[in-house]
Amino acid sequence: MTNKEILEKAIEKAIERGWEPRHFVTLKNSYSHPEDSEFLDPLGRWHTISPLDIIYNHQFAKALWGEETIYVSLAGQYESDVPLWQYHLQQMVISPDPIQYLGENL
């Protein structure tokens, strides 16, 4: 799946689960790298935004993965129940290819 297809599928899934994209209206066609995209604000002005701004959005992540928790243990030093959205968001941030991570965890 291409980066564009991954983003489209993730956005569609998040919207189905209640995420309201508000002003993220039109995205450029190329997602081979997390580059700038464009969006139209409510006043009809074009702005530039990165796809990472969308996938790192907390409301987007909450809609995509939900509030169910997952038990996390890091080298026996930290143990906790973490919401799935927060866990996946953290993993995306440290991933060398966050969009690919997103595609693997939809």
Protein backbone atom coordinates (compact mmCIF):
# COMPACT_ATOMS: atom_id res chain seq x y z
CA MET A 1 0.00 0.00 0.00
CA THR A 2 1.35 3.46 -0.86
CA ASN A 3 1.69 6.23 1.71
CA LYS A 4 -1.22 8.04 0.06
CA GLU A 5 -3.43 4.93 0.34
CA ILE A 6 -2.40 4.45 3.97
CA LEU A 7 -3.29 8.04 4.84
CA GLU A 8 -6.60 7.88 2.97
CA LYS A 9 -7.56 4.61 4.71
CA ALA A 10 -6.54 5.92 8.14
CA ILE A 11 -8.44 9.19 7.66
CA GLU A 12 -11.52 7.32 6.43
CA LYS A 13 -11.39 4.96 9.43
CA ALA A 14 -10.94 7.84 11.90
CA ILE A 15 -13.89 9.72 10.39
CA GLU A 16 -16.05 6.57 10.60
CA ARG A 17 -15.17 6.41 14.31
CA GLY A 18 -16.15 10.01 14.98
CA TRP A 19 -13.11 12.15 14.13
CA GLU A 20 -14.10 15.47 12.63
CA PRO A 21 -11.36 16.70 10.32
CA ARG A 22 -12.77 20.24 10.38
CA HIS A 23 -10.55 22.14 7.97
CA PHE A 24 -8.38 19.30 6.62
CA VAL A 25 -10.17 19.34 3.26
CA THR A 26 -7.82 18.68 0.36
CA LEU A 27 -4.46 16.99 0.50
CA LYS A 28 -1.83 16.95 -2.24
CA ASN A 29 -1.40 13.76 -4.24
CA SER A 30 2.17 12.86 -3.24
CA TYR A 31 2.82 11.09 0.05
CA SER A 32 6.09 9.38 -0.81
CA HIS A 33 7.64 11.41 2.00
CA PRO A 34 5.92 13.27 4.84
CA GLU A 35 5.94 16.52 2.92
CA ASP A 36 3.74 19.56 3.00
CA SER A 37 0.12 19.27 1.97
CA GLU A 38 -2.50 21.91 1.56
CA PHE A 39 -5.73 22.49 3.39
CA LEU A 40 -8.54 24.97 2.96
CA ASP A 41 -9.55 26.84 6.08
CA PRO A 42 -13.17 27.83 6.84
CA LEU A 43 -12.59 31.26 5.26
CA GLY A 44 -11.49 29.71 1.97
CA ARG A 45 -7.76 30.43 2.42
CA TRP A 46 -5.19 27.78 1.47
CA HIS A 47 -2.61 26.80 4.05
CA THR A 48 0.19 24.27 4.17
CA ILE A 49 0.16 21.31 6.55
CA SER A 50 2.16 18.12 6.80
CA PRO A 51 0.42 14.72 6.85
CA LEU A 52 2.30 14.24 10.14
CA ASP A 53 0.22 17.07 11.61
CA ILE A 54 -2.84 14.93 10.97
CA ILE A 55 -1.51 11.56 12.12
CA TYR A 56 0.05 13.05 15.27
CA ASN A 57 -3.20 14.80 16.19
CA HIS A 58 -4.48 13.41 19.51
CA GLN A 59 -8.14 13.49 18.46
CA PHE A 60 -7.26 11.65 15.25
CA ALA A 61 -5.36 8.97 17.20
CA LYS A 62 -8.17 8.60 19.76
CA ALA A 63 -10.71 8.03 16.99
CA LEU A 64 -8.44 5.63 15.12
CA TRP A 65 -7.33 3.38 17.99
CA GLY A 66 -9.74 4.13 20.82
CA GLU A 67 -9.48 4.44 24.59
CA GLU A 68 -9.11 0.72 25.38
CA THR A 69 -5.92 0.17 27.35
CA ILE A 70 -2.86 -1.98 26.78
CA TYR A 71 -0.41 -3.13 29.43
CA VAL A 72 3.08 -1.73 28.79
CA SER A 73 6.30 -2.81 30.51
CA LEU A 74 9.59 -1.15 29.59
CA ALA A 75 12.62 -3.15 30.72
CA GLY A 76 10.89 -3.86 34.02
CA GLN A 77 11.28 -0.23 35.09
CA TYR A 78 7.91 1.16 34.06
CA GLU A 79 4.62 -0.68 34.02
CA SER A 80 1.26 0.81 33.27
CA ASP A 81 -2.03 0.49 31.42
CA VAL A 82 -1.88 2.95 28.54
CA PRO A 83 -4.72 3.86 26.15
CA LEU A 84 -4.21 2.23 22.74
CA TRP A 85 -4.30 5.61 20.99
CA GLN A 86 -1.49 6.91 23.19
CA TYR A 87 0.61 3.76 22.77
CA HIS A 88 0.34 3.82 18.97
CA LEU A 89 0.98 7.56 18.85
CA GLN A 90 4.17 7.11 20.86
CA GLN A 91 5.28 4.25 18.61
CA MET A 92 4.64 6.33 15.49
CA VAL A 93 6.71 9.20 16.86
CA ILE A 94 9.77 6.99 17.36
CA SER A 95 9.26 4.97 14.17
CA PRO A 96 11.71 5.61 11.32
CA ASP A 97 8.68 5.61 8.96
CA PRO A 98 5.59 6.80 10.86
CA ILE A 99 3.23 6.45 7.89
CA GLN A 100 4.35 2.86 7.33
CA TYR A 101 3.81 2.19 11.05
CA LEU A 102 0.32 3.66 10.69
CA GLY A 103 -0.39 1.34 7.76
CA GLU A 104 0.76 -1.70 9.70
CA ASN A 105 -1.46 -0.82 12.68
CA LEU A 106 -4.77 0.26 11.20
